[in-house]
Structures are given as C-alpha cells and as structure tokens.
Amino acid sequence: MATETVRLRIEGMGCDGCVTAVHDALSRLPGVREVTVALEPGAAVVEAEAPADRQAMVTAIDHAGYEIVPS
C-alpha cells in the first residue's frame, strides 16, 4: 500500500512529556505507520497510508493541547 509523509509544525511543546503526548495522539490515528516528534524545532513527521488524513492529525494535536503552525 502507498504511503504519504506529512510534516507538521507544532506550537506549544516545551518538554519531553509534550513530545510524548503529541507522539501518542498521532500514533493512535488509523493508517499511521510511523511518527517522529522533535521538541526543537517543534515538529512532527508522520508516515501514513495514502491518502493521509491531515485534518485528523490537526484535530488529534489540538485535543492533546497543542496547535499546528500554518505552513
């Protein structure tokens, strides 16, 4: 199955606990295969089955208490 890579800039992460919260929120989404979250520069890279549901990712991050920085 084809995959798609989605890069997200995230605002509001300040510690390793924040990284874990974002990672867990994204990892639970259907079709997500791999998630990498970095405190600096405040970003996540998500490898998901194509077509990736970017809106679901934004919603999951919002529910975890963080915001997406518009690109």
C-alpha atoms as a PDB file:
ATOM      1  CA  MET A   1       0.000   0.000   0.000  1.00  0.00           C
ATOM      2  CA  ALA A   2       1.230   3.509  -0.817  1.00  0.00           C
ATOM      3  CA  THR A   3       2.311   5.812   1.961  1.00  0.00           C
ATOM      4  CA  GLU A   4       2.428   9.564   2.357  1.00  0.00           C
ATOM      5  CA  THR A   5       4.699  11.690   4.537  1.00  0.00           C
ATOM      6  CA  VAL A   6       3.120  14.631   6.365  1.00  0.00           C
ATOM      7  CA  ARG A   7       5.251  17.267   8.087  1.00  0.00           C
ATOM      8  CA  LEU A   8       3.605  19.370  10.780  1.00  0.00           C
ATOM      9  CA  ARG A   9       4.972  22.338  12.712  1.00  0.00           C
ATOM     10  CA  ILE A  10       3.628  22.316  16.255  1.00  0.00           C
ATOM     11  CA  GLU A  11       3.419  25.181  18.720  1.00  0.00           C
ATOM     12  CA  GLY A  12       3.318  24.850  22.478  1.00  0.00           C
ATOM     13  CA  MET A  13       5.609  21.890  23.142  1.00  0.00           C
ATOM     14  CA  GLY A  14       8.068  22.654  25.932  1.00  0.00           C
ATOM     15  CA  CYS A  15       9.270  19.334  27.338  1.00  0.00           C
ATOM     16  CA  ASP A  16       9.719  15.626  26.666  1.00  0.00           C
ATOM     17  CA  GLY A  17       6.243  14.997  28.090  1.00  0.00           C
ATOM     18  CA  CYS A  18       4.815  17.233  25.372  1.00  0.00           C
ATOM     19  CA  VAL A  19       6.682  15.249  22.724  1.00  0.00           C
ATOM     20  CA  THR A  20       5.245  12.025  24.136  1.00  0.00           C
ATOM     21  CA  ALA A  21       1.708  13.444  24.211  1.00  0.00           C
ATOM     22  CA  VAL A  22       1.891  14.517  20.556  1.00  0.00           C
ATOM     23  CA  HIS A  23       3.514  11.235  19.514  1.00  0.00           C
ATOM     24  CA  ASP A  24       0.828   9.190  21.268  1.00  0.00           C
ATOM     25  CA  ALA A  25      -2.020  11.298  19.847  1.00  0.00           C
ATOM     26  CA  LEU A  26      -0.758  10.871  16.288  1.00  0.00           C
ATOM     27  CA  SER A  27       0.177   7.206  16.682  1.00  0.00           C
ATOM     28  CA  ARG A  28      -3.409   6.286  17.606  1.00  0.00           C
ATOM     29  CA  LEU A  29      -4.822   7.536  14.307  1.00  0.00           C
ATOM     30  CA  PRO A  30      -5.939   4.933  11.751  1.00  0.00           C
ATOM     31  CA  GLY A  31      -3.454   4.392   8.936  1.00  0.00           C
ATOM     32  CA  VAL A  32      -0.485   5.944  10.745  1.00  0.00           C
ATOM     33  CA  ARG A  33       2.598   3.761  10.409  1.00  0.00           C
ATOM     34  CA  GLU A  34       5.366   5.856  11.978  1.00  0.00           C
ATOM     35  CA  VAL A  35       5.605   9.114  13.930  1.00  0.00           C
ATOM     36  CA  THR A  36       8.680  11.172  14.767  1.00  0.00           C
ATOM     37  CA  VAL A  37       8.290  14.229  17.009  1.00  0.00           C
ATOM     38  CA  ALA A  38      11.068  16.713  17.783  1.00  0.00           C
ATOM     39  CA  LEU A  39      10.917  19.276  20.563  1.00  0.00           C
ATOM     40  CA  GLU A  40      13.253  21.524  18.578  1.00  0.00           C
ATOM     41  CA  PRO A  41      12.158  22.853  16.142  1.00  0.00           C
ATOM     42  CA  GLY A  42       8.647  21.850  17.264  1.00  0.00           C
ATOM     43  CA  ALA A  43       7.713  19.443  14.518  1.00  0.00           C
ATOM     44  CA  ALA A  44       6.260  16.053  13.715  1.00  0.00           C
ATOM     45  CA  VAL A  45       6.775  13.824  10.708  1.00  0.00           C
ATOM     46  CA  VAL A  46       4.028  11.283  10.127  1.00  0.00           C
ATOM     47  CA  GLU A  47       4.248   8.359   7.722  1.00  0.00           C
ATOM     48  CA  ALA A  48       0.717   7.191   6.938  1.00  0.00           C
ATOM     49  CA  GLU A  49      -1.214   5.193   4.392  1.00  0.00           C
ATOM     50  CA  ALA A  50      -2.122   7.384   1.431  1.00  0.00           C
ATOM     51  CA  PRO A  51      -4.145   9.458   1.301  1.00  0.00           C
ATOM     52  CA  ALA A  52      -3.165  10.724   4.754  1.00  0.00           C
ATOM     53  CA  ASP A  53      -5.899  12.413   6.770  1.00  0.00           C
ATOM     54  CA  ARG A  54      -4.176  15.695   7.652  1.00  0.00           C
ATOM     55  CA  GLN A  55      -7.329  17.095   9.288  1.00  0.00           C
ATOM     56  CA  ALA A  56      -7.460  14.121  11.682  1.00  0.00           C
ATOM     57  CA  MET A  57      -3.833  14.831  12.594  1.00  0.00           C
ATOM     58  CA  VAL A  58      -4.582  18.505  13.261  1.00  0.00           C
ATOM     59  CA  THR A  59      -7.576  17.531  15.406  1.00  0.00           C
ATOM     60  CA  ALA A  60      -5.551  14.969  17.381  1.00  0.00           C
ATOM     61  CA  ILE A  61      -2.839  17.534  18.106  1.00  0.00           C
ATOM     62  CA  ASP A  62      -5.473  20.091  19.110  1.00  0.00           C
ATOM     63  CA  HIS A  63      -7.102  17.613  21.503  1.00  0.00           C
ATOM     64  CA  ALA A  64      -3.675  16.927  23.012  1.00  0.00           C
ATOM     65  CA  GLY A  65      -3.434  20.642  23.824  1.00  0.00           C
ATOM     66  CA  TYR A  66      -1.122  21.906  21.082  1.00  0.00           C
ATOM     67  CA  GLU A  67      -1.530  23.907  17.883  1.00  0.00           C
ATOM     68  CA  ILE A  68      -0.418  23.464  14.294  1.00  0.00           C
ATOM     69  CA  VAL A  69       1.596  26.337  12.863  1.00  0.00           C
ATOM     70  CA  PRO A  70       0.173  27.129   9.423  1.00  0.00           C
ATOM     71  CA  SER A  71       2.661  26.484   6.642  1.00  0.00           C
END
